[in-house]
Amino acid sequence: MLQLVISKAERERGHPLRTNMALVLGLSLIFVGALDVATTNLALAAGNFEANPLVRALQGAFGPWWALPKMVVHLLFAWFLVWLPSQRMILIGAGVVVMFLAIAANNFALAAA
């Protein structure tokens, strides 16, 4: 099973357009993760609360370092996307980038309110 995934990843990396798209999306995932962290901190400073219970638990457990495990997840997903740049992974990655852009926009709105 693992060998099948590895050979699929090697085949997919043979498509330059997909590889480039995956690289751009991977970098975008890291950027929107950092943007989400920054805007979450702005919204929290404005008196709002974290709505995501998992992130709230991270904030309770790690204090000011709560963003580290969150960014590790973003980095791992970006790495996996670049490692396996299939059409499905590119679509999922694009969806995740759009979702986190919407979350960051909402955090900005909450911080400004």
PDB file of N, CA and C in Angstrom:
ATOM      1  N   MET A   1       0.823  -1.198   0.000  1.00  0.00           N
ATOM      2  CA  MET A   1       0.000   0.000   0.000  1.00  0.00           C
ATOM      3  C   MET A   1       0.868   1.264   0.000  1.00  0.00           C
ATOM      4  N   LEU A   2       1.826   1.303   0.906  1.00  0.00           N
ATOM      5  CA  LEU A   2       2.703   2.475   0.979  1.00  0.00           C
ATOM      6  C   LEU A   2       3.487   2.641  -0.319  1.00  0.00           C
ATOM      7  N   GLN A   3       3.920   1.534  -0.899  1.00  0.00           N
ATOM      8  CA  GLN A   3       4.660   1.608  -2.160  1.00  0.00           C
ATOM      9  C   GLN A   3       3.792   2.197  -3.269  1.00  0.00           C
ATOM     10  N   LEU A   4       2.488   1.896  -3.260  1.00  0.00           N
ATOM     11  CA  LEU A   4       1.577   2.467  -4.252  1.00  0.00           C
ATOM     12  C   LEU A   4       1.485   3.984  -4.103  1.00  0.00           C
ATOM     13  N   VAL A   5       1.407   4.448  -2.867  1.00  0.00           N
ATOM     14  CA  VAL A   5       1.326   5.889  -2.620  1.00  0.00           C
ATOM     15  C   VAL A   5       2.621   6.569  -3.046  1.00  0.00           C
ATOM     16  N   ILE A   6       3.740   5.932  -2.734  1.00  0.00           N
ATOM     17  CA  ILE A   6       5.038   6.512  -3.097  1.00  0.00           C
ATOM     18  C   ILE A   6       5.188   6.586  -4.614  1.00  0.00           C
ATOM     19  N   SER A   7       4.806   5.521  -5.325  1.00  0.00           N
ATOM     20  CA  SER A   7       4.935   5.553  -6.780  1.00  0.00           C
ATOM     21  C   SER A   7       3.960   6.558  -7.399  1.00  0.00           C
ATOM     22  N   LYS A   8       2.763   6.706  -6.813  1.00  0.00           N
ATOM     23  CA  LYS A   8       1.810   7.721  -7.301  1.00  0.00           C
ATOM     24  C   LYS A   8       2.393   9.117  -7.108  1.00  0.00           C
ATOM     25  N   ALA A   9       3.011   9.351  -5.958  1.00  0.00           N
ATOM     26  CA  ALA A   9       3.616  10.659  -5.694  1.00  0.00           C
ATOM     27  C   ALA A   9       4.721  10.955  -6.687  1.00  0.00           C
ATOM     28  N   GLU A  10       5.540   9.951  -6.997  1.00  0.00           N
ATOM     29  CA  GLU A  10       6.616  10.151  -7.975  1.00  0.00           C
ATOM     30  C   GLU A  10       6.058  10.472  -9.358  1.00  0.00           C
ATOM     31  N   ARG A  11       4.973   9.782  -9.746  1.00  0.00           N
ATOM     32  CA  ARG A  11       4.341  10.067 -11.045  1.00  0.00           C
ATOM     33  C   ARG A  11       3.767  11.476 -11.068  1.00  0.00           C
ATOM     34  N   GLU A  12       3.080  11.861 -10.012  1.00  0.00           N
ATOM     35  CA  GLU A  12       2.448  13.183  -9.966  1.00  0.00           C
ATOM     36  C   GLU A  12       3.482  14.301 -10.001  1.00  0.00           C
ATOM     37  N   ARG A  13       4.629  14.090  -9.379  1.00  0.00           N
ATOM     38  CA  ARG A  13       5.684  15.111  -9.404  1.00  0.00           C
ATOM     39  C   ARG A  13       6.305  15.240 -10.783  1.00  0.00           C
ATOM     40  N   GLY A  14       5.971  14.343 -11.704  1.00  0.00           N
ATOM     41  CA  GLY A  14       6.448  14.434 -13.076  1.00  0.00           C
ATOM     42  C   GLY A  14       5.672  15.438 -13.915  1.00  0.00           C
ATOM     43  N   HIS A  15       4.605  16.019 -13.362  1.00  0.00           N
ATOM     44  CA  HIS A  15       3.807  17.031 -14.056  1.00  0.00           C
ATOM     45  C   HIS A  15       4.261  18.416 -13.578  1.00  0.00           C
ATOM     46  N   PRO A  16       5.020  19.145 -14.379  1.00  0.00           N
ATOM     47  CA  PRO A  16       5.559  20.440 -13.926  1.00  0.00           C
ATOM     48  C   PRO A  16       4.482  21.444 -13.504  1.00  0.00           C
ATOM     49  N   LEU A  17       3.369  21.505 -14.238  1.00  0.00           N
ATOM     50  CA  LEU A  17       2.324  22.464 -13.882  1.00  0.00           C
ATOM     51  C   LEU A  17       1.735  22.142 -12.516  1.00  0.00           C
ATOM     52  N   ARG A  18       1.432  20.873 -12.284  1.00  0.00           N
ATOM     53  CA  ARG A  18       0.886  20.471 -10.977  1.00  0.00           C
ATOM     54  C   ARG A  18       1.905  20.711  -9.869  1.00  0.00           C
ATOM     55  N   THR A  19       3.143  20.412 -10.152  1.00  0.00           N
ATOM     56  CA  THR A  19       4.183  20.617  -9.142  1.00  0.00           C
ATOM     57  C   THR A  19       4.292  22.095  -8.781  1.00  0.00           C
ATOM     58  N   ASN A  20       4.266  22.960  -9.776  1.00  0.00           N
ATOM     59  CA  ASN A  20       4.336  24.404  -9.513  1.00  0.00           C
ATOM     60  C   ASN A  20       3.094  24.896  -8.778  1.00  0.00           C
ATOM     61  N   MET A  21       1.925  24.415  -9.198  1.00  0.00           N
ATOM     62  CA  MET A  21       0.686  24.806  -8.505  1.00  0.00           C
ATOM     63  C   MET A  21       0.723  24.356  -7.047  1.00  0.00           C
ATOM     64  N   ALA A  22       1.209  23.142  -6.813  1.00  0.00           N
ATOM     65  CA  ALA A  22       1.293  22.627  -5.446  1.00  0.00           C
ATOM     66  C   ALA A  22       2.269  23.455  -4.612  1.00  0.00           C
ATOM     67  N   LEU A  23       3.371  23.871  -5.206  1.00  0.00           N
ATOM     68  CA  LEU A  23       4.338  24.695  -4.487  1.00  0.00           C
ATOM     69  C   LEU A  23       3.730  26.044  -4.106  1.00  0.00           C
ATOM     70  N   VAL A  24       3.045  26.676  -5.041  1.00  0.00           N
ATOM     71  CA  VAL A  24       2.390  27.957  -4.750  1.00  0.00           C
ATOM     72  C   VAL A  24       1.333  27.777  -3.672  1.00  0.00           C
ATOM     73  N   LEU A  25       0.538  26.727  -3.776  1.00  0.00           N
ATOM     74  CA  LEU A  25      -0.490  26.478  -2.760  1.00  0.00           C
ATOM     75  C   LEU A  25       0.135  26.141  -1.412  1.00  0.00           C
ATOM     76  N   GLY A  26       1.231  25.381  -1.415  1.00  0.00           N
ATOM     77  CA  GLY A  26       1.898  25.063  -0.153  1.00  0.00           C
ATOM     78  C   GLY A  26       2.400  26.315   0.549  1.00  0.00           C
ATOM     79  N   LEU A  27       3.021  27.210  -0.210  1.00  0.00           N
ATOM     80  CA  LEU A  27       3.468  28.482   0.371  1.00  0.00           C
ATOM     81  C   LEU A  27       2.275  29.321   0.830  1.00  0.00           C
ATOM     82  N   SER A  28       1.189  29.267   0.069  1.00  0.00           N
ATOM     83  CA  SER A  28      -0.027  29.994   0.444  1.00  0.00           C
ATOM     84  C   SER A  28      -0.620  29.449   1.739  1.00  0.00           C
ATOM     85  N   LEU A  29      -0.563  28.132   1.913  1.00  0.00           N
ATOM     86  CA  LEU A  29      -1.067  27.524   3.150  1.00  0.00           C
ATOM     87  C   LEU A  29      -0.288  28.014   4.359  1.00  0.00           C
ATOM     88  N   ILE A  30       1.012  28.118   4.211  1.00  0.00           N
ATOM     89  CA  ILE A  30       1.833  28.615   5.315  1.00  0.00           C
ATOM     90  C   ILE A  30       1.506  30.080   5.585  1.00  0.00           C
ATOM     91  N   PHE A  31       1.361  30.868   4.527  1.00  0.00           N
ATOM     92  CA  PHE A  31       1.039  32.288   4.682  1.00  0.00           C
ATOM     93  C   PHE A  31      -0.315  32.480   5.357  1.00  0.00           C
ATOM     94  N   VAL A  32      -1.356  31.774   4.887  1.00  0.00           N
ATOM     95  CA  VAL A  32      -2.683  31.978   5.484  1.00  0.00           C
ATOM     96  C   VAL A  32      -2.740  31.446   6.904  1.00  0.00           C
ATOM     97  N   GLY A  33      -1.911  30.448   7.224  1.00  0.00           N
ATOM     98  CA  GLY A  33      -1.833  29.984   8.611  1.00  0.00           C
ATOM     99  C   GLY A  33      -1.282  31.073   9.513  1.00  0.00           C
ATOM    100  N   ALA A  34      -0.214  31.720   9.051  1.00  0.00           N
ATOM    101  CA  ALA A  34       0.371  32.820   9.820  1.00  0.00           C
ATOM    102  C   ALA A  34      -0.596  33.999   9.901  1.00  0.00           C
ATOM    103  N   LEU A  35      -1.302  34.266   8.806  1.00  0.00           N
ATOM    104  CA  LEU A  35      -2.294  35.339   8.802  1.00  0.00           C
ATOM    105  C   LEU A  35      -3.428  35.029   9.780  1.00  0.00           C
ATOM    106  N   ASP A  36      -3.856  33.778   9.833  1.00  0.00           N
ATOM    107  CA  ASP A  36      -4.892  33.368  10.777  1.00  0.00           C
ATOM    108  C   ASP A  36      -4.422  33.562  12.215  1.00  0.00           C
ATOM    109  N   VAL A  37      -3.188  33.186  12.499  1.00  0.00           N
ATOM    110  CA  VAL A  37      -2.651  33.367  13.855  1.00  0.00           C
ATOM    111  C   VAL A  37      -2.623  34.849  14.221  1.00  0.00           C
ATOM    112  N   ALA A  38      -2.117  35.677  13.308  1.00  0.00           N
ATOM    113  CA  ALA A  38      -2.012  37.115  13.587  1.00  0.00           C
ATOM    114  C   ALA A  38      -3.384  37.747  13.791  1.00  0.00           C
ATOM    115  N   THR A  39      -4.337  37.407  12.934  1.00  0.00           N
ATOM    116  CA  THR A  39      -5.667  38.013  13.062  1.00  0.00           C
ATOM    117  C   THR A  39      -6.427  37.444  14.261  1.00  0.00           C
ATOM    118  N   THR A  40      -6.157  36.192  14.604  1.00  0.00           N
ATOM    119  CA  THR A  40      -6.764  35.635  15.825  1.00  0.00           C
ATOM    120  C   THR A  40      -6.265  36.396  17.035  1.00  0.00           C
ATOM    121  N   ASN A  41      -4.979  36.665  17.086  1.00  0.00           N
ATOM    122  CA  ASN A  41      -4.434  37.434  18.208  1.00  0.00           C
ATOM    123  C   ASN A  41      -5.032  38.837  18.260  1.00  0.00           C
ATOM    124  N   LEU A  42      -5.256  39.458  17.089  1.00  0.00           N
ATOM    125  CA  LEU A  42      -5.904  40.777  17.062  1.00  0.00           C
ATOM    126  C   LEU A  42      -7.327  40.703  17.613  1.00  0.00           C
ATOM    127  N   ALA A  43      -8.066  39.687  17.180  1.00  0.00           N
ATOM    128  CA  ALA A  43      -9.446  39.537  17.631  1.00  0.00           C
ATOM    129  C   ALA A  43      -9.495  39.243  19.130  1.00  0.00           C
ATOM    130  N   LEU A  44      -8.582  38.430  19.626  1.00  0.00           N
ATOM    131  CA  LEU A  44      -8.538  38.138  21.064  1.00  0.00           C
ATOM    132  C   LEU A  44      -8.194  39.392  21.858  1.00  0.00           C
ATOM    133  N   ALA A  45      -7.274  40.189  21.337  1.00  0.00           N
ATOM    134  CA  ALA A  45      -6.899  41.439  22.015  1.00  0.00           C
ATOM    135  C   ALA A  45      -8.058  42.426  22.045  1.00  0.00           C
ATOM    136  N   ALA A  46      -8.971  42.318  21.080  1.00  0.00           N
ATOM    137  CA  ALA A  46     -10.132  43.203  21.033  1.00  0.00           C
ATOM    138  C   ALA A  46     -11.265  42.707  21.934  1.00  0.00           C
ATOM    139  N   GLY A  47     -11.030  41.605  22.667  1.00  0.00           N
ATOM    140  CA  GLY A  47     -12.030  41.118  23.615  1.00  0.00           C
ATOM    141  C   GLY A  47     -12.883  39.971  23.112  1.00  0.00           C
ATOM    142  N   ASN A  48     -12.575  39.443  21.951  1.00  0.00           N
ATOM    143  CA  ASN A  48     -13.327  38.305  21.421  1.00  0.00           C
ATOM    144  C   ASN A  48     -12.758  37.009  21.988  1.00  0.00           C
ATOM    145  N   PHE A  49     -13.390  35.885  21.654  1.00  0.00           N
ATOM    146  CA  PHE A  49     -12.924  34.590  22.136  1.00  0.00           C
ATOM    147  C   PHE A  49     -12.726  33.658  20.949  1.00  0.00           C
ATOM    148  N   GLU A  50     -11.930  32.628  21.152  1.00  0.00           N
ATOM    149  CA  GLU A  50     -11.680  31.629  20.120  1.00  0.00           C
ATOM    150  C   GLU A  50     -12.885  30.699  20.035  1.00  0.00           C
ATOM    151  N   ALA A  51     -13.473  30.592  18.846  1.00  0.00           N
ATOM    152  CA  ALA A  51     -14.661  29.764  18.657  1.00  0.00           C
ATOM    153  C   ALA A  51     -14.316  28.291  18.425  1.00  0.00           C
ATOM    154  N   ASN A  52     -13.128  28.022  17.895  1.00  0.00           N
ATOM    155  CA  ASN A  52     -12.723  26.645  17.613  1.00  0.00           C
ATOM    156  C   ASN A  52     -12.262  25.986  18.916  1.00  0.00           C
ATOM    157  N   PRO A  53     -12.963  24.936  19.365  1.00  0.00           N
ATOM    158  CA  PRO A  53     -12.587  24.328  20.655  1.00  0.00           C
ATOM    159  C   PRO A  53     -11.188  23.696  20.649  1.00  0.00           C
ATOM    160  N   LEU A  54     -10.740  23.198  19.514  1.00  0.00           N
ATOM    161  CA  LEU A  54      -9.404  22.611  19.459  1.00  0.00           C
ATOM    162  C   LEU A  54      -8.336  23.693  19.623  1.00  0.00           C
ATOM    163  N   VAL A  55      -8.505  24.801  18.931  1.00  0.00           N
ATOM    164  CA  VAL A  55      -7.548  25.902  19.054  1.00  0.00           C
ATOM    165  C   VAL A  55      -7.625  26.510  20.455  1.00  0.00           C
ATOM    166  N   ARG A  56      -8.827  26.601  21.012  1.00  0.00           N
ATOM    167  CA  ARG A  56      -8.981  27.104  22.379  1.00  0.00           C
ATOM    168  C   ARG A  56      -8.216  26.213  23.362  1.00  0.00           C
ATOM    169  N   ALA A  57      -8.265  24.890  23.143  1.00  0.00           N
ATOM    170  CA  ALA A  57      -7.513  23.963  23.990  1.00  0.00           C
ATOM    171  C   ALA A  57      -6.012  24.175  23.812  1.00  0.00           C
ATOM    172  N   LEU A  58      -5.570  24.416  22.580  1.00  0.00           N
ATOM    173  CA  LEU A  58      -4.153  24.717  22.344  1.00  0.00           C
ATOM    174  C   LEU A  58      -3.743  25.990  23.082  1.00  0.00           C
ATOM    175  N   GLN A  59      -4.603  26.989  23.042  1.00  0.00           N
ATOM    176  CA  GLN A  59      -4.302  28.244  23.723  1.00  0.00           C
ATOM    177  C   GLN A  59      -4.189  28.028  25.227  1.00  0.00           C
ATOM    178  N   GLY A  60      -5.065  27.178  25.771  1.00  0.00           N
ATOM    179  CA  GLY A  60      -4.997  26.878  27.199  1.00  0.00           C
ATOM    180  C   GLY A  60      -3.776  26.065  27.568  1.00  0.00           C
ATOM    181  N   ALA A  61      -3.392  25.143  26.702  1.00  0.00           N
ATOM    182  CA  ALA A  61      -2.274  24.251  27.006  1.00  0.00           C
ATOM    183  C   ALA A  61      -0.910  24.899  26.760  1.00  0.00           C
ATOM    184  N   PHE A  62      -0.813  25.707  25.693  1.00  0.00           N
ATOM    185  CA  PHE A  62       0.491  26.252  25.295  1.00  0.00           C
ATOM    186  C   PHE A  62       0.658  27.734  25.598  1.00  0.00           C
ATOM    187  N   GLY A  63      -0.395  28.390  26.059  1.00  0.00           N
ATOM    188  CA  GLY A  63      -0.296  29.810  26.376  1.00  0.00           C
ATOM    189  C   GLY A  63       0.086  30.615  25.146  1.00  0.00           C
ATOM    190  N   PRO A  64       1.071  31.509  25.269  1.00  0.00           N
ATOM    191  CA  PRO A  64       1.439  32.348  24.123  1.00  0.00           C
ATOM    192  C   PRO A  64       2.081  31.568  22.972  1.00  0.00           C
ATOM    193  N   TRP A  65       2.428  30.323  23.191  1.00  0.00           N
ATOM    194  CA  TRP A  65       3.039  29.484  22.148  1.00  0.00           C
ATOM    195  C   TRP A  65       2.004  28.623  21.431  1.00  0.00           C
ATOM    196  N   TRP A  66       0.733  28.935  21.583  1.00  0.00           N
ATOM    197  CA  TRP A  66      -0.339  28.120  21.000  1.00  0.00           C
ATOM    198  C   TRP A  66      -0.221  28.006  19.478  1.00  0.00           C
ATOM    199  N   ALA A  67       0.386  28.986  18.835  1.00  0.00           N
ATOM    200  CA  ALA A  67       0.456  28.984  17.373  1.00  0.00           C
ATOM    201  C   ALA A  67       1.436  27.951  16.824  1.00  0.00           C
ATOM    202  N   LEU A  68       2.396  27.508  17.626  1.00  0.00           N
ATOM    203  CA  LEU A  68       3.384  26.557  17.121  1.00  0.00           C
ATOM    204  C   LEU A  68       2.755  25.247  16.635  1.00  0.00           C
ATOM    205  N   PRO A  69       1.947  24.556  17.450  1.00  0.00           N
ATOM    206  CA  PRO A  69       1.360  23.320  16.919  1.00  0.00           C
ATOM    207  C   PRO A  69       0.419  23.571  15.745  1.00  0.00           C
ATOM    208  N   LYS A  70      -0.252  24.705  15.748  1.00  0.00           N
ATOM    209  CA  LYS A  70      -1.133  25.037  14.627  1.00  0.00           C
ATOM    210  C   LYS A  70      -0.324  25.219  13.345  1.00  0.00           C
ATOM    211  N   MET A  71       0.799  25.910  13.434  1.00  0.00           N
ATOM    212  CA  MET A  71       1.632  26.127  12.254  1.00  0.00           C
ATOM    213  C   MET A  71       2.314  24.831  11.808  1.00  0.00           C
ATOM    214  N   VAL A  72       2.604  23.939  12.736  1.00  0.00           N
ATOM    215  CA  VAL A  72       3.168  22.644  12.356  1.00  0.00           C
ATOM    216  C   VAL A  72       2.182  21.889  11.465  1.00  0.00           C
ATOM    217  N   VAL A  73       0.901  21.956  11.786  1.00  0.00           N
ATOM    218  CA  VAL A  73      -0.115  21.302  10.955  1.00  0.00           C
ATOM    219  C   VAL A  73      -0.129  21.930   9.558  1.00  0.00           C
ATOM    220  N   HIS A  74      -0.050  23.248   9.487  1.00  0.00           N
ATOM    221  CA  HIS A  74      -0.001  23.926   8.184  1.00  0.00           C
ATOM    222  C   HIS A  74       1.245  23.510   7.400  1.00  0.00           C
ATOM    223  N   LEU A  75       2.376  23.447   8.065  1.00  0.00           N
ATOM    224  CA  LEU A  75       3.617  23.047   7.395  1.00  0.00           C
ATOM    225  C   LEU A  75       3.547  21.603   6.897  1.00  0.00           C
ATOM    226  N   LEU A  76       2.991  20.710   7.712  1.00  0.00           N
ATOM    227  CA  LEU A  76       2.874  19.314   7.296  1.00  0.00           C
ATOM    228  C   LEU A  76       1.948  19.166   6.094  1.00  0.00           C
ATOM    229  N   PHE A  77       0.824  19.876   6.116  1.00  0.00           N
ATOM    230  CA  PHE A  77      -0.092  19.793   4.987  1.00  0.00           C
ATOM    231  C   PHE A  77       0.542  20.377   3.731  1.00  0.00           C
ATOM    232  N   ALA A  78       1.267  21.481   3.878  1.00  0.00           N
ATOM    233  CA  ALA A  78       1.955  22.085   2.729  1.00  0.00           C
ATOM    234  C   ALA A  78       3.002  21.119   2.175  1.00  0.00           C
ATOM    235  N   TRP A  79       3.765  20.477   3.061  1.00  0.00           N
ATOM    236  CA  TRP A  79       4.768  19.504   2.611  1.00  0.00           C
ATOM    237  C   TRP A  79       4.095  18.346   1.879  1.00  0.00           C
ATOM    238  N   PHE A  80       3.001  17.824   2.437  1.00  0.00           N
ATOM    239  CA  PHE A  80       2.325  16.688   1.805  1.00  0.00           C
ATOM    240  C   PHE A  80       1.764  17.091   0.449  1.00  0.00           C
ATOM    241  N   LEU A  81       1.258  18.295   0.345  1.00  0.00           N
ATOM    242  CA  LEU A  81       0.725  18.784  -0.923  1.00  0.00           C
ATOM    243  C   LEU A  81       1.829  18.849  -1.988  1.00  0.00           C
ATOM    244  N   VAL A  82       3.002  19.329  -1.603  1.00  0.00           N
ATOM    245  CA  VAL A  82       4.117  19.410  -2.541  1.00  0.00           C
ATOM    246  C   VAL A  82       4.651  18.010  -2.864  1.00  0.00           C
ATOM    247  N   TRP A  83       4.625  17.115  -1.889  1.00  0.00           N
ATOM    248  CA  TRP A  83       5.113  15.751  -2.100  1.00  0.00           C
ATOM    249  C   TRP A  83       4.191  14.956  -3.017  1.00  0.00           C
ATOM    250  N   LEU A  84       2.869  15.186  -2.884  1.00  0.00           N
ATOM    251  CA  LEU A  84       1.888  14.478  -3.704  1.00  0.00           C
ATOM    252  C   LEU A  84       0.999  15.510  -4.403  1.00  0.00           C
ATOM    253  N   PRO A  85       1.496  16.109  -5.492  1.00  0.00           N
ATOM    254  CA  PRO A  85       0.742  17.179  -6.154  1.00  0.00           C
ATOM    255  C   PRO A  85      -0.333  16.655  -7.115  1.00  0.00           C
ATOM    256  N   SER A  86      -1.203  15.808  -6.603  1.00  0.00           N
ATOM    257  CA  SER A  86      -2.262  15.275  -7.454  1.00  0.00           C
ATOM    258  C   SER A  86      -3.343  16.337  -7.651  1.00  0.00           C
ATOM    259  N   GLN A  87      -4.181  16.107  -8.625  1.00  0.00           N
ATOM    260  CA  GLN A  87      -5.268  17.042  -8.905  1.00  0.00           C
ATOM    261  C   GLN A  87      -6.175  17.176  -7.683  1.00  0.00           C
ATOM    262  N   ARG A  88      -6.466  16.074  -7.033  1.00  0.00           N
ATOM    263  CA  ARG A  88      -7.322  16.096  -5.836  1.00  0.00           C
ATOM    264  C   ARG A  88      -6.671  16.905  -4.713  1.00  0.00           C
ATOM    265  N   MET A  89      -5.375  16.695  -4.475  1.00  0.00           N
ATOM    266  CA  MET A  89      -4.697  17.429  -3.409  1.00  0.00           C
ATOM    267  C   MET A  89      -4.642  18.922  -3.716  1.00  0.00           C
ATOM    268  N   ILE A  90      -4.470  19.266  -4.981  1.00  0.00           N
ATOM    269  CA  ILE A  90      -4.449  20.687  -5.359  1.00  0.00           C
ATOM    270  C   ILE A  90      -5.815  21.317  -5.102  1.00  0.00           C
ATOM    271  N   LEU A  91      -6.882  20.616  -5.428  1.00  0.00           N
ATOM    272  CA  LEU A  91      -8.224  21.140  -5.162  1.00  0.00           C
ATOM    273  C   LEU A  91      -8.471  21.289  -3.664  1.00  0.00           C
ATOM    274  N   ILE A  92      -8.069  20.295  -2.902  1.00  0.00           N
ATOM    275  CA  ILE A  92      -8.231  20.380  -1.444  1.00  0.00           C
ATOM    276  C   ILE A  92      -7.406  21.540  -0.897  1.00  0.00           C
ATOM    277  N   GLY A  93      -6.158  21.661  -1.344  1.00  0.00           N
ATOM    278  CA  GLY A  93      -5.300  22.753  -0.889  1.00  0.00           C
ATOM    279  C   GLY A  93      -5.880  24.114  -1.218  1.00  0.00           C
ATOM    280  N   ALA A  94      -6.424  24.265  -2.423  1.00  0.00           N
ATOM    281  CA  ALA A  94      -7.050  25.543  -2.799  1.00  0.00           C
ATOM    282  C   ALA A  94      -8.244  25.839  -1.906  1.00  0.00           C
ATOM    283  N   GLY A  95      -9.032  24.821  -1.610  1.00  0.00           N
ATOM    284  CA  GLY A  95     -10.181  25.008  -0.717  1.00  0.00           C
ATOM    285  C   GLY A  95      -9.762  25.423   0.680  1.00  0.00           C
ATOM    286  N   VAL A  96      -8.691  24.821   1.178  1.00  0.00           N
ATOM    287  CA  VAL A  96      -8.199  25.166   2.515  1.00  0.00           C
ATOM    288  C   VAL A  96      -7.668  26.600   2.542  1.00  0.00           C
ATOM    289  N   VAL A  97      -6.973  27.011   1.493  1.00  0.00           N
ATOM    290  CA  VAL A  97      -6.474  28.393   1.427  1.00  0.00           C
ATOM    291  C   VAL A  97      -7.632  29.379   1.443  1.00  0.00           C
ATOM    292  N   VAL A  98      -8.660  29.119   0.641  1.00  0.00           N
ATOM    293  CA  VAL A  98      -9.831  30.005   0.603  1.00  0.00           C
ATOM    294  C   VAL A  98     -10.518  30.042   1.966  1.00  0.00           C
ATOM    295  N   MET A  99     -10.646  28.876   2.606  1.00  0.00           N
ATOM    296  CA  MET A  99     -11.292  28.816   3.922  1.00  0.00           C
ATOM    297  C   MET A  99     -10.523  29.656   4.945  1.00  0.00           C
ATOM    298  N   PHE A 100      -9.199  29.523   4.960  1.00  0.00           N
ATOM    299  CA  PHE A 100      -8.432  30.297   5.935  1.00  0.00           C
ATOM    300  C   PHE A 100      -8.393  31.780   5.607  1.00  0.00           C
ATOM    301  N   LEU A 101      -8.495  32.142   4.339  1.00  0.00           N
ATOM    302  CA  LEU A 101      -8.633  33.563   4.000  1.00  0.00           C
ATOM    303  C   LEU A 101      -9.942  34.114   4.546  1.00  0.00           C
ATOM    304  N   ALA A 102     -11.011  33.335   4.438  1.00  0.00           N
ATOM    305  CA  ALA A 102     -12.304  33.765   4.987  1.00  0.00           C
ATOM    306  C   ALA A 102     -12.232  33.888   6.506  1.00  0.00           C
ATOM    307  N   ILE A 103     -11.562  32.954   7.150  1.00  0.00           N
ATOM    308  CA  ILE A 103     -11.416  33.011   8.609  1.00  0.00           C
ATOM    309  C   ILE A 103     -10.619  34.250   9.013  1.00  0.00           C
ATOM    310  N   ALA A 104      -9.533  34.527   8.301  1.00  0.00           N
ATOM    311  CA  ALA A 104      -8.727  35.709   8.622  1.00  0.00           C
ATOM    312  C   ALA A 104      -9.524  36.986   8.407  1.00  0.00           C
ATOM    313  N   ALA A 105     -10.331  37.041   7.337  1.00  0.00           N
ATOM    314  CA  ALA A 105     -11.176  38.216   7.093  1.00  0.00           C
ATOM    315  C   ALA A 105     -12.178  38.387   8.226  1.00  0.00           C
ATOM    316  N   ASN A 106     -12.747  37.288   8.679  1.00  0.00           N
ATOM    317  CA  ASN A 106     -13.682  37.360   9.804  1.00  0.00           C
ATOM    318  C   ASN A 106     -12.982  37.838  11.078  1.00  0.00           C
ATOM    319  N   ASN A 107     -11.760  37.348  11.299  1.00  0.00           N
ATOM    320  CA  ASN A 107     -11.003  37.802  12.471  1.00  0.00           C
ATOM    321  C   ASN A 107     -10.724  39.304  12.403  1.00  0.00           C
ATOM    322  N   PHE A 108     -10.387  39.801  11.207  1.00  0.00           N
ATOM    323  CA  PHE A 108     -10.195  41.250  11.035  1.00  0.00           C
ATOM    324  C   PHE A 108     -11.472  42.012  11.367  1.00  0.00           C
ATOM    325  N   ALA A 109     -12.600  41.506  10.891  1.00  0.00           N
ATOM    326  CA  ALA A 109     -13.885  42.164  11.167  1.00  0.00           C
ATOM    327  C   ALA A 109     -14.175  42.166  12.664  1.00  0.00           C
ATOM    328  N   LEU A 110     -13.902  41.045  13.335  1.00  0.00           N
ATOM    329  CA  LEU A 110     -14.132  40.977  14.773  1.00  0.00           C
ATOM    330  C   LEU A 110     -13.210  41.926  15.539  1.00  0.00           C
ATOM    331  N   ALA A 111     -11.969  42.044  15.093  1.00  0.00           N
ATOM    332  CA  ALA A 111     -11.017  42.932  15.767  1.00  0.00           C
ATOM    333  C   ALA A 111     -11.408  44.389  15.585  1.00  0.00           C
ATOM    334  N   ALA A 112     -12.012  44.712  14.435  1.00  0.00           N
ATOM    335  CA  ALA A 112     -12.379  46.103  14.161  1.00  0.00           C
ATOM    336  C   ALA A 112     -13.686  46.500  14.845  1.00  0.00           C
ATOM    337  N   ALA A 113     -14.482  45.521  15.203  1.00  0.00           N
ATOM    338  CA  ALA A 113     -15.819  45.825  15.793  1.00  0.00           C
ATOM    339  C   ALA A 113     -15.708  46.301  17.219  1.00  0.00           C
TER     340      ALA A 113
END
